[in-house]
Amino acid sequence: MKTPGAEDLAGVFKALSDPNRLAILQLIREHCGTGRRLSPEDEGRNVSAIAKEFDLSLSTVSHHLKELKHAGLIRCVKRGQWVFCSVNEKALEAIRTFAGVR
């Protein structure tokens, strides 16, 4: 992720303005982490497992994940029939920098 400008950050904050997307990102942050090799057995990492944590349809969760991905907050990787999500740490670092948090 390049150094974010005002438009990039506006897109990030717009994506995070939805309470469901914020909760989904938090779940991914807590349970999915970053950088590890993923397998279907990694509970909480694939889209279906994420959807089970919310009182939302799978298609609604998929939409929220698409918005988070479009904002650069998460990465999604398809492996066979599974789609796995992980946090884009560079995006979180850009938010920390903007907020002056270290």
N, C-alpha and C. Protein backbone atom coordinates (compact mmCIF):
# COMPACT_ATOMS: atom_id res chain seq x y z
N MET A 1 0.85 -1.18 0.00
CA MET A 1 0.00 0.00 0.00
C MET A 1 0.89 1.23 0.00
N LYS A 2 0.65 2.11 -0.95
CA LYS A 2 1.43 3.34 -1.01
C LYS A 2 1.06 4.24 0.16
N THR A 3 1.83 5.30 0.36
CA THR A 3 1.49 6.24 1.41
C THR A 3 0.10 6.80 1.12
N PRO A 4 -0.82 6.63 2.06
CA PRO A 4 -2.20 7.02 1.77
C PRO A 4 -2.38 8.53 1.74
N GLY A 5 -3.17 8.97 0.76
CA GLY A 5 -3.56 10.36 0.69
C GLY A 5 -4.93 10.53 1.31
N ALA A 6 -5.46 11.73 1.21
CA ALA A 6 -6.75 12.03 1.81
C ALA A 6 -7.86 11.14 1.22
N GLU A 7 -7.84 10.92 -0.09
CA GLU A 7 -8.88 10.08 -0.71
C GLU A 7 -8.78 8.63 -0.25
N ASP A 8 -7.55 8.12 -0.13
CA ASP A 8 -7.36 6.76 0.34
C ASP A 8 -7.90 6.60 1.76
N LEU A 9 -7.53 7.55 2.63
CA LEU A 9 -7.98 7.47 4.01
C LEU A 9 -9.48 7.65 4.12
N ALA A 10 -10.05 8.51 3.29
CA ALA A 10 -11.51 8.69 3.30
C ALA A 10 -12.20 7.36 2.96
N GLY A 11 -11.66 6.62 1.99
CA GLY A 11 -12.22 5.32 1.63
C GLY A 11 -12.11 4.32 2.77
N VAL A 12 -11.00 4.36 3.47
CA VAL A 12 -10.80 3.47 4.62
C VAL A 12 -11.82 3.79 5.71
N PHE A 13 -11.94 5.07 6.03
CA PHE A 13 -12.87 5.44 7.10
C PHE A 13 -14.32 5.24 6.69
N LYS A 14 -14.62 5.38 5.42
CA LYS A 14 -15.97 5.10 4.93
C LYS A 14 -16.28 3.62 5.13
N ALA A 15 -15.33 2.76 4.78
CA ALA A 15 -15.53 1.32 4.96
C ALA A 15 -15.73 0.98 6.44
N LEU A 16 -14.99 1.65 7.30
CA LEU A 16 -15.08 1.37 8.73
C LEU A 16 -16.27 2.03 9.40
N SER A 17 -16.99 2.89 8.68
CA SER A 17 -18.12 3.58 9.29
C SER A 17 -19.33 2.67 9.48
N ASP A 18 -19.33 1.52 8.85
CA ASP A 18 -20.41 0.56 9.02
C ASP A 18 -20.09 -0.33 10.22
N PRO A 19 -20.99 -0.42 11.20
CA PRO A 19 -20.70 -1.23 12.40
C PRO A 19 -20.43 -2.71 12.10
N ASN A 20 -21.11 -3.27 11.11
CA ASN A 20 -20.86 -4.67 10.77
C ASN A 20 -19.47 -4.86 10.18
N ARG A 21 -19.04 -3.95 9.31
CA ARG A 21 -17.69 -4.06 8.73
C ARG A 21 -16.64 -3.88 9.81
N LEU A 22 -16.87 -2.96 10.73
CA LEU A 22 -15.92 -2.76 11.82
C LEU A 22 -15.80 -4.03 12.66
N ALA A 23 -16.94 -4.67 12.95
CA ALA A 23 -16.93 -5.90 13.74
C ALA A 23 -16.25 -7.04 12.97
N ILE A 24 -16.50 -7.11 11.67
CA ILE A 24 -15.87 -8.16 10.85
C ILE A 24 -14.35 -7.96 10.82
N LEU A 25 -13.90 -6.71 10.64
CA LEU A 25 -12.46 -6.45 10.65
C LEU A 25 -11.86 -6.82 12.00
N GLN A 26 -12.55 -6.49 13.07
CA GLN A 26 -12.05 -6.83 14.41
C GLN A 26 -11.93 -8.34 14.57
N LEU A 27 -12.93 -9.08 14.10
CA LEU A 27 -12.87 -10.54 14.17
C LEU A 27 -11.68 -11.08 13.38
N ILE A 28 -11.49 -10.57 12.19
CA ILE A 28 -10.35 -11.02 11.37
C ILE A 28 -9.05 -10.68 12.07
N ARG A 29 -8.96 -9.49 12.63
CA ARG A 29 -7.74 -9.09 13.36
C ARG A 29 -7.45 -10.03 14.52
N GLU A 30 -8.48 -10.35 15.28
CA GLU A 30 -8.28 -11.17 16.48
C GLU A 30 -8.03 -12.64 16.17
N HIS A 31 -8.71 -13.16 15.17
CA HIS A 31 -8.67 -14.60 14.94
C HIS A 31 -7.85 -15.01 13.73
N CYS A 32 -7.58 -14.08 12.84
CA CYS A 32 -6.94 -14.48 11.59
C CYS A 32 -5.51 -14.01 11.47
N GLY A 33 -5.18 -12.92 12.11
CA GLY A 33 -3.82 -12.45 12.05
C GLY A 33 -3.35 -12.18 10.64
N THR A 34 -2.06 -12.29 10.44
CA THR A 34 -1.46 -12.03 9.14
C THR A 34 -0.32 -12.99 8.88
N GLY A 35 -0.04 -13.19 7.63
CA GLY A 35 1.19 -13.83 7.22
C GLY A 35 1.32 -15.33 7.33
N ARG A 36 0.46 -16.01 8.07
CA ARG A 36 0.60 -17.46 8.19
C ARG A 36 -0.05 -18.16 7.01
N ARG A 37 0.46 -19.32 6.68
CA ARG A 37 -0.17 -20.14 5.63
C ARG A 37 -1.51 -20.63 6.16
N LEU A 38 -2.54 -20.54 5.34
CA LEU A 38 -3.88 -20.87 5.77
C LEU A 38 -4.35 -22.19 5.20
N SER A 39 -5.18 -22.90 5.95
CA SER A 39 -5.80 -24.13 5.47
C SER A 39 -7.27 -24.11 5.87
N PRO A 40 -8.11 -24.96 5.26
CA PRO A 40 -9.53 -24.98 5.62
C PRO A 40 -9.79 -25.26 7.10
N GLU A 41 -8.84 -25.88 7.75
CA GLU A 41 -9.01 -26.20 9.16
C GLU A 41 -8.80 -24.98 10.07
N ASP A 42 -8.25 -23.90 9.53
CA ASP A 42 -8.03 -22.70 10.33
C ASP A 42 -9.37 -22.05 10.63
N GLU A 43 -9.94 -22.40 11.79
CA GLU A 43 -11.26 -21.90 12.17
C GLU A 43 -11.26 -20.38 12.24
N GLY A 44 -12.28 -19.78 11.69
CA GLY A 44 -12.42 -18.34 11.74
C GLY A 44 -11.72 -17.60 10.63
N ARG A 45 -11.03 -18.33 9.76
CA ARG A 45 -10.27 -17.65 8.72
C ARG A 45 -10.99 -17.61 7.39
N ASN A 46 -11.86 -18.56 7.12
CA ASN A 46 -12.51 -18.54 5.82
C ASN A 46 -13.84 -17.80 5.91
N VAL A 47 -14.36 -17.39 4.76
CA VAL A 47 -15.55 -16.55 4.71
C VAL A 47 -16.74 -17.21 5.40
N SER A 48 -16.92 -18.50 5.20
CA SER A 48 -18.05 -19.20 5.83
C SER A 48 -17.95 -19.15 7.35
N ALA A 49 -16.75 -19.36 7.88
CA ALA A 49 -16.56 -19.33 9.33
C ALA A 49 -16.78 -17.91 9.87
N ILE A 50 -16.35 -16.91 9.13
CA ILE A 50 -16.57 -15.52 9.54
C ILE A 50 -18.07 -15.24 9.58
N ALA A 51 -18.80 -15.68 8.55
CA ALA A 51 -20.24 -15.43 8.46
C ALA A 51 -20.99 -16.07 9.63
N LYS A 52 -20.52 -17.21 10.11
CA LYS A 52 -21.19 -17.89 11.22
C LYS A 52 -21.15 -17.09 12.51
N GLU A 53 -20.22 -16.14 12.60
CA GLU A 53 -20.08 -15.33 13.81
C GLU A 53 -21.07 -14.17 13.87
N PHE A 54 -21.80 -13.94 12.80
CA PHE A 54 -22.69 -12.78 12.71
C PHE A 54 -24.11 -13.22 12.34
N ASP A 55 -25.07 -12.44 12.75
CA ASP A 55 -26.46 -12.69 12.40
C ASP A 55 -26.76 -12.02 11.06
N LEU A 56 -25.97 -12.40 10.06
CA LEU A 56 -26.06 -11.84 8.71
C LEU A 56 -25.98 -12.99 7.71
N SER A 57 -26.57 -12.79 6.55
CA SER A 57 -26.47 -13.82 5.52
C SER A 57 -25.05 -13.89 4.98
N LEU A 58 -24.71 -15.01 4.37
CA LEU A 58 -23.39 -15.17 3.77
C LEU A 58 -23.16 -14.12 2.70
N SER A 59 -24.18 -13.80 1.91
CA SER A 59 -24.01 -12.80 0.86
C SER A 59 -23.77 -11.41 1.45
N THR A 60 -24.39 -11.10 2.58
CA THR A 60 -24.16 -9.80 3.22
C THR A 60 -22.74 -9.72 3.77
N VAL A 61 -22.28 -10.79 4.40
CA VAL A 61 -20.90 -10.82 4.91
C VAL A 61 -19.92 -10.71 3.74
N SER A 62 -20.20 -11.41 2.65
CA SER A 62 -19.34 -11.32 1.47
C SER A 62 -19.27 -9.89 0.95
N HIS A 63 -20.41 -9.20 0.95
CA HIS A 63 -20.42 -7.80 0.52
C HIS A 63 -19.55 -6.94 1.43
N HIS A 64 -19.69 -7.13 2.75
CA HIS A 64 -18.87 -6.35 3.68
C HIS A 64 -17.38 -6.66 3.49
N LEU A 65 -17.06 -7.92 3.26
CA LEU A 65 -15.66 -8.29 3.02
C LEU A 65 -15.14 -7.64 1.74
N LYS A 66 -15.98 -7.57 0.72
CA LYS A 66 -15.60 -6.92 -0.54
C LYS A 66 -15.28 -5.44 -0.29
N GLU A 67 -16.09 -4.79 0.52
CA GLU A 67 -15.86 -3.37 0.82
C GLU A 67 -14.57 -3.19 1.62
N LEU A 68 -14.31 -4.07 2.57
CA LEU A 68 -13.06 -3.99 3.34
C LEU A 68 -11.85 -4.24 2.45
N LYS A 69 -12.00 -5.18 1.54
CA LYS A 69 -10.91 -5.47 0.59
C LYS A 69 -10.69 -4.28 -0.34
N HIS A 70 -11.77 -3.71 -0.85
CA HIS A 70 -11.67 -2.56 -1.76
C HIS A 70 -10.98 -1.37 -1.07
N ALA A 71 -11.21 -1.22 0.22
CA ALA A 71 -10.58 -0.14 0.99
C ALA A 71 -9.13 -0.46 1.34
N GLY A 72 -8.70 -1.69 1.06
CA GLY A 72 -7.32 -2.08 1.33
C GLY A 72 -7.08 -2.56 2.74
N LEU A 73 -8.14 -2.79 3.50
CA LEU A 73 -7.98 -3.18 4.90
C LEU A 73 -7.72 -4.67 5.09
N ILE A 74 -8.20 -5.48 4.15
CA ILE A 74 -7.96 -6.92 4.24
C ILE A 74 -7.49 -7.44 2.90
N ARG A 75 -6.94 -8.64 2.95
CA ARG A 75 -6.57 -9.38 1.74
C ARG A 75 -7.38 -10.67 1.75
N CYS A 76 -7.83 -11.07 0.58
CA CYS A 76 -8.58 -12.32 0.46
C CYS A 76 -7.87 -13.19 -0.57
N VAL A 77 -7.69 -14.45 -0.22
CA VAL A 77 -7.02 -15.39 -1.09
C VAL A 77 -7.93 -16.59 -1.27
N LYS A 78 -8.15 -16.98 -2.53
CA LYS A 78 -8.98 -18.15 -2.80
C LYS A 78 -8.07 -19.35 -2.98
N ARG A 79 -8.38 -20.40 -2.25
CA ARG A 79 -7.66 -21.67 -2.38
C ARG A 79 -8.70 -22.76 -2.51
N GLY A 80 -8.88 -23.25 -3.73
CA GLY A 80 -9.92 -24.24 -3.99
C GLY A 80 -11.28 -23.61 -3.78
N GLN A 81 -12.10 -24.24 -2.96
CA GLN A 81 -13.44 -23.70 -2.70
C GLN A 81 -13.45 -22.72 -1.53
N TRP A 82 -12.33 -22.52 -0.89
CA TRP A 82 -12.24 -21.68 0.29
C TRP A 82 -11.69 -20.30 -0.05
N VAL A 83 -12.21 -19.27 0.59
CA VAL A 83 -11.65 -17.92 0.50
C VAL A 83 -11.23 -17.54 1.90
N PHE A 84 -9.96 -17.19 2.06
CA PHE A 84 -9.39 -16.84 3.35
C PHE A 84 -9.10 -15.35 3.41
N CYS A 85 -9.30 -14.77 4.58
CA CYS A 85 -9.08 -13.34 4.76
C CYS A 85 -8.00 -13.11 5.81
N SER A 86 -7.22 -12.08 5.59
CA SER A 86 -6.24 -11.65 6.58
C SER A 86 -6.17 -10.13 6.55
N VAL A 87 -5.68 -9.57 7.62
CA VAL A 87 -5.59 -8.12 7.76
C VAL A 87 -4.40 -7.61 6.97
N ASN A 88 -4.56 -6.47 6.33
CA ASN A 88 -3.47 -5.78 5.67
C ASN A 88 -2.83 -4.86 6.71
N GLU A 89 -1.75 -5.30 7.30
CA GLU A 89 -1.10 -4.55 8.37
C GLU A 89 -0.64 -3.16 7.92
N LYS A 90 -0.27 -3.01 6.66
CA LYS A 90 0.14 -1.70 6.17
C LYS A 90 -1.01 -0.70 6.24
N ALA A 91 -2.21 -1.16 5.98
CA ALA A 91 -3.38 -0.27 6.06
C ALA A 91 -3.63 0.14 7.51
N LEU A 92 -3.51 -0.81 8.43
CA LEU A 92 -3.69 -0.47 9.84
C LEU A 92 -2.61 0.49 10.32
N GLU A 93 -1.41 0.30 9.83
CA GLU A 93 -0.31 1.21 10.18
C GLU A 93 -0.59 2.62 9.66
N ALA A 94 -1.17 2.73 8.46
CA ALA A 94 -1.51 4.04 7.90
C ALA A 94 -2.56 4.74 8.77
N ILE A 95 -3.50 3.97 9.30
CA ILE A 95 -4.51 4.55 10.20
C ILE A 95 -3.85 5.02 11.50
N ARG A 96 -2.95 4.20 12.04
CA ARG A 96 -2.24 4.59 13.26
C ARG A 96 -1.43 5.86 13.05
N THR A 97 -0.76 5.93 11.92
CA THR A 97 0.04 7.12 11.60
C THR A 97 -0.84 8.35 11.50
N PHE A 98 -1.96 8.24 10.80
CA PHE A 98 -2.89 9.36 10.64
C PHE A 98 -3.40 9.81 12.02
N ALA A 99 -3.71 8.84 12.89
CA ALA A 99 -4.27 9.16 14.19
C ALA A 99 -3.20 9.57 15.20
N GLY A 100 -1.93 9.42 14.82
CA GLY A 100 -0.84 9.78 15.73
C GLY A 100 -0.65 8.77 16.84
N VAL A 101 -1.05 7.53 16.59
CA VAL A 101 -0.93 6.46 17.58
C VAL A 101 0.24 5.58 17.22
N ARG A 102 1.05 5.27 18.19
CA ARG A 102 2.20 4.37 17.97
C ARG A 102 2.18 3.25 18.92
